N, C-alpha and C. Protein backbone atom coordinates (compact mmCIF):
# COMPACT_ATOMS: atom_id res chain seq x y z
N UNK A 1 65.16 20.61 55.52
CA UNK A 1 65.64 21.43 56.09
C UNK A 1 64.74 22.79 56.29
N UNK A 2 63.39 22.56 56.69
CA UNK A 2 62.42 23.78 56.23
C UNK A 2 63.28 25.53 56.29
N UNK A 3 62.88 26.37 55.71
CA UNK A 3 63.46 27.33 55.66
C UNK A 3 61.93 28.60 56.34
N UNK A 4 62.82 29.31 56.84
CA UNK A 4 61.22 30.05 57.30
C UNK A 4 61.08 31.35 56.16
N UNK A 5 59.99 31.73 56.42
CA UNK A 5 59.33 32.20 54.79
C UNK A 5 60.16 33.67 55.02
N UNK A 6 60.12 34.09 53.97
CA UNK A 6 60.68 34.86 53.67
C UNK A 6 59.91 36.66 53.91
N UNK A 7 60.27 37.97 55.14
CA UNK A 7 59.32 38.94 54.85
C UNK A 7 58.96 39.31 53.86
N UNK A 8 57.83 39.74 53.53
CA UNK A 8 57.19 40.28 52.37
C UNK A 8 57.71 41.69 52.11
N UNK A 9 58.36 41.96 51.02
CA UNK A 9 59.33 43.05 50.89
C UNK A 9 58.82 44.23 50.05
N UNK A 10 58.93 45.34 49.78
CA UNK A 10 57.91 46.41 48.58
C UNK A 10 58.36 45.98 47.54
N UNK A 11 56.92 45.78 47.02
CA UNK A 11 56.06 45.86 45.94
C UNK A 11 56.04 44.16 45.52
N UNK A 12 56.67 43.38 46.38
CA UNK A 12 55.88 41.99 46.53
C UNK A 12 54.53 41.32 46.34
N UNK A 13 54.38 41.19 45.54
CA UNK A 13 52.76 40.74 45.59
C UNK A 13 52.15 40.30 47.11
N UNK A 14 51.35 40.56 47.71
CA UNK A 14 50.61 40.08 48.98
C UNK A 14 50.03 38.30 48.61
N UNK A 15 50.57 37.70 49.65
CA UNK A 15 49.65 36.27 49.36
C UNK A 15 47.87 36.39 49.92
N UNK A 16 47.49 35.69 48.91
CA UNK A 16 45.84 36.04 48.79
C UNK A 16 45.37 34.49 48.53
N UNK A 17 44.19 34.00 48.66
CA UNK A 17 43.67 32.30 48.88
C UNK A 17 42.44 32.43 47.45
N UNK A 18 43.08 31.76 46.34
CA UNK A 18 42.14 31.90 44.97
C UNK A 18 40.80 31.34 45.23
N UNK A 19 40.62 30.68 45.53
CA UNK A 19 39.45 30.28 45.97
C UNK A 19 38.50 31.05 46.47
N UNK A 20 38.80 32.27 47.54
CA UNK A 20 38.26 33.60 48.28
C UNK A 20 38.07 34.71 47.27
N UNK A 21 39.14 34.74 46.85
CA UNK A 21 39.29 35.76 45.32
C UNK A 21 38.51 35.04 44.75
N UNK A 22 38.30 34.15 43.80
CA UNK A 22 37.60 33.08 42.89
C UNK A 22 35.72 33.68 43.29
N UNK A 23 34.98 33.43 44.84
CA UNK A 23 34.18 33.97 45.25
C UNK A 23 33.75 35.44 45.40
N UNK A 24 34.75 36.48 45.21
CA UNK A 24 34.72 37.81 45.59
C UNK A 24 34.25 38.06 44.10
N UNK A 25 34.73 37.78 42.89
CA UNK A 25 34.67 37.48 42.15
C UNK A 25 33.31 36.98 41.06
N UNK A 26 33.16 36.22 41.62
CA UNK A 26 31.56 35.88 40.95
C UNK A 26 30.91 36.92 41.50
N UNK A 27 30.60 37.23 42.68
CA UNK A 27 29.86 38.33 42.87
C UNK A 27 29.70 39.18 42.91
N UNK A 28 30.59 40.63 42.05
CA UNK A 28 31.04 40.76 40.88
C UNK A 28 30.42 40.42 39.97
N UNK A 29 30.24 39.28 39.01
CA UNK A 29 29.91 39.15 37.76
C UNK A 29 28.46 39.11 37.97
N UNK A 30 28.07 38.25 39.25
CA UNK A 30 26.45 38.36 39.51
C UNK A 30 25.82 38.90 39.97
N UNK A 31 26.61 40.26 40.12
CA UNK A 31 25.75 41.60 39.92
C UNK A 31 25.77 42.60 39.01
N UNK A 32 26.84 42.56 38.33
CA UNK A 32 27.18 43.24 36.92
C UNK A 32 27.46 42.58 35.67
N UNK A 33 27.14 41.24 35.59
CA UNK A 33 27.23 40.63 34.42
C UNK A 33 28.49 41.22 34.00
N UNK A 34 29.26 40.06 32.74
CA UNK A 34 30.54 40.43 32.42
C UNK A 34 30.94 41.77 31.88
N UNK A 35 30.61 41.57 30.93
CA UNK A 35 30.65 43.79 31.04
C UNK A 35 30.40 44.76 31.60
N UNK A 36 29.71 44.22 32.37
CA UNK A 36 29.20 45.19 33.36
C UNK A 36 30.13 45.46 34.60
N UNK A 37 30.92 44.62 34.93
CA UNK A 37 32.32 44.57 35.98
C UNK A 37 33.08 44.46 35.45
N UNK A 38 33.73 45.33 36.04
CA UNK A 38 34.86 46.45 35.59
C UNK A 38 36.64 45.73 36.42
N UNK A 39 37.99 45.62 35.42
CA UNK A 39 38.35 45.00 36.08
C UNK A 39 39.15 45.56 37.60
N UNK A 40 38.68 47.17 37.60
CA UNK A 40 38.78 48.02 39.27
C UNK A 40 38.08 47.73 39.88
N UNK A 41 35.91 47.07 39.56
CA UNK A 41 35.53 46.55 40.95
C UNK A 41 36.49 45.13 41.10
N UNK A 42 36.85 44.54 40.11
CA UNK A 42 36.98 43.13 40.53
C UNK A 42 38.23 43.00 41.02
N UNK A 43 39.04 43.38 40.76
CA UNK A 43 40.32 43.37 41.72
C UNK A 43 39.90 44.37 43.23
N UNK A 44 39.58 45.16 43.06
CA UNK A 44 39.37 45.28 44.67
C UNK A 44 38.54 44.53 45.28
N UNK A 45 37.29 44.17 44.86
CA UNK A 45 36.66 42.74 45.41
C UNK A 45 37.26 42.08 45.64
N UNK A 46 38.22 41.26 45.40
CA UNK A 46 39.28 39.77 45.56
C UNK A 46 40.39 40.51 46.16
N UNK A 47 40.83 41.49 46.17
CA UNK A 47 41.77 42.11 47.61
C UNK A 47 43.25 41.57 46.72
N UNK A 48 43.39 41.84 45.02
CA UNK A 48 44.17 42.02 44.86
C UNK A 48 44.52 42.59 43.73
N UNK A 49 46.05 42.47 43.28
CA UNK A 49 46.22 43.46 42.48
C UNK A 49 46.04 43.26 41.06
N UNK A 50 46.09 43.42 40.12
CA UNK A 50 46.02 43.42 38.30
C UNK A 50 47.17 42.36 38.18
N UNK A 51 48.74 42.51 38.42
CA UNK A 51 49.28 41.47 37.77
C UNK A 51 48.82 40.23 38.44
N UNK A 52 48.62 40.49 39.44
CA UNK A 52 47.48 38.91 40.59
C UNK A 52 47.06 38.71 40.18
N UNK A 53 45.73 39.27 39.33
CA UNK A 53 44.77 38.52 39.16
C UNK A 53 44.80 37.88 37.28
N UNK A 54 45.78 37.76 36.86
CA UNK A 54 46.51 37.98 35.42
C UNK A 54 47.32 36.51 35.63
N UNK A 55 48.12 36.46 36.37
CA UNK A 55 48.99 35.63 36.82
C UNK A 55 48.16 34.36 37.85
N UNK A 56 47.37 34.36 38.57
CA UNK A 56 46.55 33.39 38.83
C UNK A 56 45.43 32.82 38.03
N UNK A 57 44.78 33.87 37.06
CA UNK A 57 43.23 33.35 36.96
C UNK A 57 43.96 33.79 35.51
N UNK A 58 44.53 34.70 34.72
CA UNK A 58 44.47 34.72 33.60
C UNK A 58 43.68 36.20 33.20
N UNK A 59 43.25 36.60 32.29
CA UNK A 59 42.41 37.47 31.72
C UNK A 59 41.24 37.51 32.75
N UNK A 60 40.24 38.66 31.99
CA UNK A 60 39.22 38.87 32.84
C UNK A 60 38.32 37.50 32.11
N UNK A 61 38.45 37.37 30.64
CA UNK A 61 37.96 36.62 30.38
C UNK A 61 37.62 35.39 30.71
N UNK A 62 39.00 34.15 30.90
CA UNK A 62 39.75 33.03 31.87
C UNK A 62 38.32 33.54 33.38
N UNK A 63 38.70 34.34 33.86
CA UNK A 63 38.33 34.48 35.10
C UNK A 63 36.98 34.23 35.06
N UNK A 64 36.01 34.93 34.11
CA UNK A 64 34.77 34.36 34.02
C UNK A 64 34.62 33.53 33.63
N UNK A 65 35.51 32.76 33.67
CA UNK A 65 35.13 31.10 33.52
C UNK A 65 34.90 30.24 34.19
N UNK A 66 35.70 30.87 35.11
CA UNK A 66 35.82 30.06 36.27
C UNK A 66 34.70 30.39 37.24
N UNK A 67 34.37 31.59 37.36
CA UNK A 67 33.43 32.31 38.14
C UNK A 67 32.01 31.94 37.83
N UNK A 68 32.18 30.83 36.41
CA UNK A 68 30.41 29.96 35.95
C UNK A 68 31.07 28.82 36.72
N UNK A 69 32.52 28.10 36.14
CA UNK A 69 32.24 26.65 37.52
C UNK A 69 31.92 26.65 38.55
N UNK A 70 32.85 27.86 39.02
CA UNK A 70 32.09 28.10 40.82
C UNK A 70 30.94 28.27 40.94
N UNK A 71 29.86 28.71 39.88
CA UNK A 71 28.10 29.35 40.15
C UNK A 71 28.02 28.29 39.94
N UNK A 72 28.57 27.07 38.97
CA UNK A 72 26.99 26.02 39.13
C UNK A 72 27.69 24.77 39.87
N UNK A 73 28.70 24.98 40.86
CA UNK A 73 29.26 23.90 41.63
C UNK A 73 28.90 24.01 42.82
N UNK A 74 28.71 25.22 43.77
CA UNK A 74 28.31 25.27 44.50
C UNK A 74 26.58 26.39 44.29
N UNK A 75 25.99 27.11 43.56
CA UNK A 75 24.88 27.54 43.68
C UNK A 75 24.56 26.60 42.63
N UNK A 76 24.32 25.43 41.55
CA UNK A 76 22.94 24.92 41.01
C UNK A 76 23.31 23.93 41.07
N UNK A 77 24.28 23.30 42.67
CA UNK A 77 24.69 22.04 41.97
C UNK A 77 22.56 21.11 42.69
N UNK A 78 21.78 21.97 43.05
CA UNK A 78 20.44 21.01 43.41
C UNK A 78 20.10 20.88 41.89
N UNK A 79 20.51 21.50 40.53
CA UNK A 79 20.05 20.59 39.83
C UNK A 79 20.53 19.15 39.33
N UNK A 80 21.75 18.67 39.10
CA UNK A 80 22.22 18.07 39.05
C UNK A 80 21.16 16.64 39.84
N UNK A 81 21.14 17.16 41.12
CA UNK A 81 20.33 16.18 42.33
C UNK A 81 19.04 16.01 41.88
N UNK A 82 18.56 17.12 41.04
CA UNK A 82 17.20 17.01 41.34
C UNK A 82 16.72 16.11 40.41
N UNK A 83 17.71 15.87 39.07
CA UNK A 83 17.46 14.71 38.15
C UNK A 83 17.63 13.31 38.51
N UNK A 84 17.80 13.17 39.68
CA UNK A 84 17.60 11.56 40.54
C UNK A 84 16.34 11.31 41.09
N UNK A 85 15.62 11.94 41.36
CA UNK A 85 13.76 12.27 42.29
C UNK A 85 12.99 11.06 41.35
N UNK A 86 12.25 10.94 41.85
CA UNK A 86 11.78 9.60 41.62
C UNK A 86 11.32 9.96 40.31
N UNK A 87 10.03 10.96 40.45
CA UNK A 87 9.10 11.31 39.27
C UNK A 87 9.51 12.60 38.81
N UNK A 88 8.91 12.75 37.71
CA UNK A 88 8.78 13.94 36.76
C UNK A 88 8.80 15.18 37.58
N UNK A 89 7.17 15.18 38.52
CA UNK A 89 7.07 16.24 39.10
C UNK A 89 7.92 16.95 40.07
N UNK A 90 8.22 15.27 41.14
CA UNK A 90 9.73 15.89 42.24
C UNK A 90 10.40 16.73 41.36
N UNK A 91 10.83 15.91 40.08
CA UNK A 91 12.40 16.53 39.54
C UNK A 91 11.85 17.99 39.16
N UNK A 92 10.88 18.68 38.78
CA UNK A 92 10.69 19.67 38.53
C UNK A 92 10.27 20.62 39.59
N UNK A 93 9.68 20.09 40.73
CA UNK A 93 9.79 21.08 41.96
C UNK A 93 10.81 20.90 42.68
N UNK A 94 11.46 19.91 42.75
CA UNK A 94 13.04 20.48 42.81
C UNK A 94 14.12 21.41 42.74
N UNK A 95 13.75 21.49 41.53
CA UNK A 95 14.17 22.83 40.29
C UNK A 95 13.84 23.95 40.20
N UNK A 96 12.51 23.84 40.30
CA UNK A 96 11.62 24.86 41.36
C UNK A 96 11.55 26.03 42.67
N UNK A 97 12.21 24.89 43.24
CA UNK A 97 12.66 24.92 44.63
C UNK A 97 14.13 25.47 44.70
N UNK A 98 14.50 24.88 44.25
CA UNK A 98 16.46 25.32 44.55
C UNK A 98 16.01 26.54 43.85
N UNK A 99 15.71 27.17 42.96
CA UNK A 99 15.77 28.13 41.96
C UNK A 99 15.27 29.41 43.31
N UNK A 100 13.94 29.17 44.00
CA UNK A 100 13.59 30.10 44.35
C UNK A 100 14.26 30.42 45.89
N UNK A 101 15.30 28.78 46.54
CA UNK A 101 15.72 28.55 47.44
C UNK A 101 17.00 30.28 47.07
N UNK A 102 17.86 30.07 46.15
CA UNK A 102 18.31 31.09 45.60
C UNK A 102 18.27 32.46 45.45
N UNK A 103 16.92 33.26 44.83
CA UNK A 103 16.24 33.96 44.97
C UNK A 103 16.18 35.17 46.18
N UNK A 104 15.54 33.76 46.92
CA UNK A 104 14.82 34.36 48.57
C UNK A 104 15.88 34.28 49.43
N UNK A 105 17.28 33.46 49.27
CA UNK A 105 17.60 33.17 50.79
C UNK A 105 19.40 33.66 50.91
N UNK A 106 19.82 33.93 51.41
CA UNK A 106 21.15 34.13 51.50
C UNK A 106 21.55 35.93 51.30
N UNK A 107 22.55 36.38 51.55
CA UNK A 107 22.79 37.79 50.83
C UNK A 107 23.26 37.98 48.78
N UNK A 108 23.24 36.18 48.43
CA UNK A 108 23.99 36.33 47.38
C UNK A 108 22.49 37.26 46.01
N UNK A 109 23.44 38.07 45.11
CA UNK A 109 22.85 38.43 44.45
C UNK A 109 21.62 37.92 43.54
N UNK A 110 20.25 38.55 43.09
CA UNK A 110 19.37 37.69 42.47
C UNK A 110 19.46 37.61 40.83
N UNK A 111 18.76 36.88 40.97
CA UNK A 111 18.23 36.87 38.70
C UNK A 111 20.20 35.45 38.94
N UNK A 112 20.13 34.89 37.54
CA UNK A 112 20.62 34.35 37.46
C UNK A 112 22.16 34.96 36.17
N UNK A 113 23.39 33.99 36.62
CA UNK A 113 24.49 35.01 36.19
C UNK A 113 24.61 34.83 34.69
N UNK A 114 24.12 33.33 34.46
CA UNK A 114 24.31 33.44 32.89
C UNK A 114 22.80 33.94 31.85
N UNK A 115 21.68 34.44 32.41
CA UNK A 115 20.39 35.07 31.65
C UNK A 115 21.13 36.56 31.76
N UNK A 116 22.15 36.95 32.38
CA UNK A 116 22.61 38.43 33.53
C UNK A 116 23.33 38.79 32.24
N UNK A 117 24.57 37.79 32.66
CA UNK A 117 25.71 37.58 31.27
C UNK A 117 24.93 38.34 29.54
N UNK A 118 23.95 37.25 29.08
CA UNK A 118 23.87 37.18 27.85
C UNK A 118 22.96 38.99 27.71
N UNK A 119 22.40 38.70 28.59
CA UNK A 119 21.95 40.21 28.55
C UNK A 119 22.28 41.23 28.16
N UNK A 120 23.23 40.86 29.05
CA UNK A 120 24.66 42.12 29.27
C UNK A 120 25.26 42.19 27.81
N UNK A 121 25.62 41.17 27.12
CA UNK A 121 27.03 41.32 26.34
C UNK A 121 26.50 41.27 24.92
N UNK A 122 28.13 41.97 24.61
CA UNK A 122 27.76 42.54 22.88
C UNK A 122 28.45 41.40 22.04
N UNK A 123 28.59 41.97 20.74
CA UNK A 123 29.34 40.96 19.80
C UNK A 123 30.72 40.94 20.31
N UNK A 124 30.98 42.12 21.45
CA UNK A 124 32.58 41.73 21.49
C UNK A 124 32.68 40.40 22.74
N UNK A 125 32.05 39.56 22.89
CA UNK A 125 32.08 38.82 24.50
C UNK A 125 31.31 37.45 23.77
N UNK A 126 31.64 37.20 22.45
CA UNK A 126 30.68 36.43 21.97
C UNK A 126 31.17 34.57 22.52
N UNK A 127 32.49 35.35 23.40
CA UNK A 127 33.26 33.44 23.65
C UNK A 127 32.24 33.53 24.97
N UNK A 128 31.87 34.82 25.11
CA UNK A 128 31.36 34.05 27.22
C UNK A 128 30.42 33.75 26.50
N UNK A 129 29.28 34.18 25.59
CA UNK A 129 27.81 33.57 24.72
C UNK A 129 28.33 32.22 24.82
N UNK A 130 29.11 32.65 23.78
CA UNK A 130 28.87 30.99 23.31
C UNK A 130 29.63 29.71 24.65
N UNK A 131 29.97 30.23 25.78
CA UNK A 131 30.28 29.48 26.89
C UNK A 131 29.11 29.21 28.19
N UNK A 132 28.19 30.21 27.96
CA UNK A 132 27.19 30.32 28.48
C UNK A 132 26.10 29.41 27.76
N UNK A 133 26.30 29.59 26.59
CA UNK A 133 24.77 29.37 25.97
C UNK A 133 24.88 27.05 26.04
N UNK A 134 26.63 27.41 26.23
CA UNK A 134 26.65 25.73 25.78
C UNK A 134 26.20 25.52 27.04
N UNK A 135 26.65 25.47 28.36
CA UNK A 135 26.31 25.28 29.60
C UNK A 135 24.79 25.09 29.87
N UNK A 136 24.31 26.04 29.73
CA UNK A 136 22.66 26.14 29.27
C UNK A 136 21.84 24.70 28.39
N UNK A 137 22.55 24.44 27.54
CA UNK A 137 22.49 23.48 26.48
C UNK A 137 22.64 22.29 27.06
N UNK A 138 23.86 22.49 27.81
CA UNK A 138 24.14 20.78 28.74
C UNK A 138 22.76 20.82 29.76
N UNK A 139 22.17 21.53 30.66
CA UNK A 139 21.04 21.00 31.30
C UNK A 139 20.07 21.17 30.63
N UNK A 140 19.57 21.63 29.73
CA UNK A 140 18.20 21.46 28.92
C UNK A 140 18.16 19.83 28.67
N UNK A 141 19.37 19.58 28.19
CA UNK A 141 19.48 18.29 27.73
C UNK A 141 19.22 16.93 28.41
N UNK A 142 19.97 17.45 30.25
CA UNK A 142 19.99 16.51 30.93
C UNK A 142 18.24 16.40 31.47
N UNK A 143 17.70 17.81 31.52
CA UNK A 143 16.41 17.44 31.56
C UNK A 143 15.24 17.00 30.38
N UNK A 144 15.54 17.32 29.16
CA UNK A 144 14.85 16.45 28.62
C UNK A 144 14.93 14.90 28.16
N UNK A 145 15.93 14.48 28.63
CA UNK A 145 16.15 13.09 28.94
C UNK A 145 15.39 12.29 30.33
N UNK A 146 16.01 13.57 30.87
CA UNK A 146 15.21 12.69 32.11
C UNK A 146 12.87 12.76 32.44
N UNK A 147 13.04 14.37 31.63
CA UNK A 147 11.49 13.92 31.46
C UNK A 147 11.22 12.62 29.97
N UNK A 148 11.78 12.54 29.27
CA UNK A 148 11.57 11.62 28.16
C UNK A 148 11.90 9.96 28.83
N UNK A 149 12.79 10.08 30.05
CA UNK A 149 12.51 8.84 30.82
C UNK A 149 11.63 8.48 31.24
N UNK A 150 11.05 9.72 31.77
CA UNK A 150 9.60 9.96 32.56
C UNK A 150 8.40 9.25 31.60
N UNK A 151 8.21 9.36 30.89
CA UNK A 151 7.25 9.65 29.85
C UNK A 151 7.52 8.13 29.40
N UNK A 152 8.12 7.53 28.51
CA UNK A 152 8.89 6.24 28.88
C UNK A 152 8.58 5.44 29.79
N UNK A 153 8.02 5.62 31.14
CA UNK A 153 8.35 4.75 32.60
C UNK A 153 6.12 5.25 32.79
N UNK A 154 6.08 5.93 31.81
CA UNK A 154 4.21 5.34 32.10
C UNK A 154 4.21 7.24 33.29
N UNK A 155 4.49 8.19 32.93
CA UNK A 155 4.80 9.17 34.68
C UNK A 155 4.22 10.67 33.96
N UNK A 156 3.81 10.41 32.57
CA UNK A 156 3.93 11.81 31.59
C UNK A 156 2.82 11.27 31.09
N UNK A 157 2.07 11.93 30.82
CA UNK A 157 0.62 11.53 29.94
C UNK A 157 0.94 11.31 28.39
N UNK A 158 0.99 10.46 27.57
CA UNK A 158 1.69 10.16 26.30
C UNK A 158 1.54 11.44 25.51
N UNK A 159 0.97 12.33 25.46
CA UNK A 159 0.19 13.59 25.06
C UNK A 159 1.41 14.48 24.95
N UNK A 160 2.62 14.77 25.93
CA UNK A 160 3.26 15.26 26.61
C UNK A 160 4.51 15.44 25.98
N UNK A 161 4.71 16.43 25.63
CA UNK A 161 5.94 16.83 24.46
C UNK A 161 6.81 16.80 25.72
N UNK A 162 8.24 16.16 26.16
CA UNK A 162 8.88 16.22 27.48
C UNK A 162 10.05 17.68 27.30
N UNK A 163 10.24 17.82 25.54
CA UNK A 163 11.57 18.70 25.10
C UNK A 163 10.22 20.83 25.38
N UNK A 164 9.31 20.35 24.84
CA UNK A 164 8.55 21.21 25.89
C UNK A 164 8.01 21.68 26.70
N UNK A 165 8.12 20.49 27.78
CA UNK A 165 7.81 20.89 29.34
C UNK A 165 8.95 21.24 29.33
N UNK A 166 10.29 20.83 29.48
CA UNK A 166 11.44 21.23 30.22
C UNK A 166 12.21 22.52 29.60
N UNK A 167 11.37 22.97 28.19
CA UNK A 167 11.42 24.33 28.02
C UNK A 167 10.82 24.92 29.14
N UNK A 168 9.60 24.85 29.15
CA UNK A 168 8.35 25.70 29.70
C UNK A 168 9.32 25.78 31.47
N UNK A 169 10.25 24.65 31.86
CA UNK A 169 10.09 24.38 33.04
C UNK A 169 11.44 25.73 33.18
N UNK A 170 12.41 25.44 32.43
CA UNK A 170 13.72 25.99 32.58
C UNK A 170 13.14 27.67 32.14
N UNK A 171 11.77 28.30 31.61
CA UNK A 171 11.14 29.59 31.44
C UNK A 171 11.66 30.22 32.73
N UNK A 172 10.16 28.77 33.45
CA UNK A 172 10.14 29.73 34.61
C UNK A 172 10.86 29.77 35.91
N UNK A 173 11.91 29.18 35.71
CA UNK A 173 13.38 29.30 36.43
C UNK A 173 14.07 30.38 36.38
N UNK A 174 14.07 30.80 34.78
CA UNK A 174 14.88 32.17 34.24
C UNK A 174 13.71 33.12 34.95
N UNK A 175 12.60 32.86 34.60
CA UNK A 175 12.02 34.12 34.57
C UNK A 175 11.47 34.14 36.25
N UNK A 176 11.54 33.38 37.10
CA UNK A 176 11.92 34.15 38.56
C UNK A 176 13.29 34.56 39.06
N UNK A 177 14.25 34.39 37.91
CA UNK A 177 15.53 35.45 38.50
C UNK A 177 15.32 36.28 38.09
N UNK A 178 14.66 37.02 36.65
CA UNK A 178 14.67 38.45 36.27
C UNK A 178 13.76 38.67 37.49
N UNK A 179 12.28 38.47 38.04
CA UNK A 179 11.07 38.25 38.63
C UNK A 179 11.70 39.20 39.96
N UNK A 180 12.51 38.26 40.65
CA UNK A 180 13.48 38.58 41.99
C UNK A 180 13.90 39.72 41.25
N UNK A 181 15.17 40.11 40.74
CA UNK A 181 15.70 40.98 40.64
C UNK A 181 14.71 42.21 40.21
N UNK A 182 13.67 42.33 39.56
CA UNK A 182 13.00 43.21 39.57
C UNK A 182 12.07 43.40 41.02
N UNK A 183 12.11 42.72 41.86
CA UNK A 183 11.76 43.39 43.49
C UNK A 183 10.58 42.67 43.79
N UNK A 184 10.48 41.36 43.03
CA UNK A 184 9.28 40.39 43.44
C UNK A 184 9.77 39.55 45.12
N UNK A 185 8.58 39.69 46.15
CA UNK A 185 9.02 39.30 47.48
C UNK A 185 9.18 37.92 46.74
N UNK A 186 9.90 36.44 48.32
CA UNK A 186 9.73 35.64 48.52
C UNK A 186 8.57 35.07 47.60
N UNK A 187 7.19 35.64 48.31
CA UNK A 187 5.77 35.30 48.69
C UNK A 187 5.29 34.90 47.15
N UNK A 188 5.45 36.05 46.14
CA UNK A 188 5.50 36.25 44.68
C UNK A 188 5.97 35.06 44.19
N UNK A 189 7.46 34.39 44.73
CA UNK A 189 8.15 33.63 43.64
C UNK A 189 7.22 32.20 44.37
N UNK A 190 7.24 32.65 45.63
CA UNK A 190 6.72 30.93 45.98
C UNK A 190 5.43 30.54 44.81
N UNK A 191 4.44 32.12 44.81
CA UNK A 191 2.86 31.62 43.72
C UNK A 191 3.70 31.07 42.47
N UNK A 192 4.61 31.29 42.04
CA UNK A 192 5.05 31.37 40.85
C UNK A 192 5.26 29.48 40.88
N UNK A 193 6.20 28.93 41.57
CA UNK A 193 6.27 27.38 41.89
C UNK A 193 4.60 26.86 42.16
N UNK A 194 3.97 27.41 43.48
CA UNK A 194 2.72 26.66 43.58
C UNK A 194 2.13 26.62 42.32
N UNK A 195 1.86 27.49 41.21
CA UNK A 195 1.15 27.55 40.46
C UNK A 195 1.60 26.47 39.23
N UNK A 196 2.91 26.79 39.00
CA UNK A 196 3.27 25.44 38.19
C UNK A 196 2.73 24.22 38.04
N UNK A 197 3.12 23.89 39.43
CA UNK A 197 3.02 22.58 40.40
C UNK A 197 1.56 22.20 40.00
N UNK A 198 0.44 22.92 40.50
CA UNK A 198 -0.71 23.17 39.70
C UNK A 198 -1.53 22.73 38.69
N UNK A 199 -0.23 22.93 37.37
CA UNK A 199 -0.85 23.05 36.60
C UNK A 199 0.52 21.80 35.67
N UNK A 200 0.81 21.25 36.45
CA UNK A 200 1.55 19.66 36.06
C UNK A 200 0.91 18.93 35.58
N UNK A 201 1.12 18.43 34.56
CA UNK A 201 0.42 17.67 33.79
C UNK A 201 0.58 16.06 34.61
N UNK A 202 -0.54 15.64 34.25
CA UNK A 202 -0.80 14.08 35.19
C UNK A 202 -1.56 13.15 34.45
N UNK A 203 -1.65 12.23 34.87
CA UNK A 203 -2.19 11.00 34.00
C UNK A 203 -3.55 10.71 34.58
């Protein structure tokens, strides 16, 4: 027999949706960076108490790692699907336009969460740097491998170095985030995409 839910008692933690709370935490981290986000800001945005945060997510560091997971899943999903494009040029354009959409669409903070966190982190946040750098390395590796395949298939000129081209594309993507956070207009960011594609190496 199903028991009726107990009425809330004084001092008892209120119920909350962990996914919604994590999404709120992501917004704070994305705006403030890891070290710039205080526990007070996080708990206020998440609508929970510190004990509830610790009980559900662990400490601030563990919360940030979970926020990064959510960021990659919901905001950077275009990076995985871009690798399935039929040509190297299409891969690059999908990546750049996905970045453009993040920087110009909706109410999300500008710039890249990883870049913000790396710039703001001190030596006291080495584990955060390590995680962000590992995730970036994984993305870089996937793009390099895709461009290497493109070169092997004759889709890129013989003189093009896939690793260098991948580094260039990633630098433009990160630069778009930095420029967006500095107030660049959607039109200016669009010009970066168009210029990059106009310079794309062709046979």
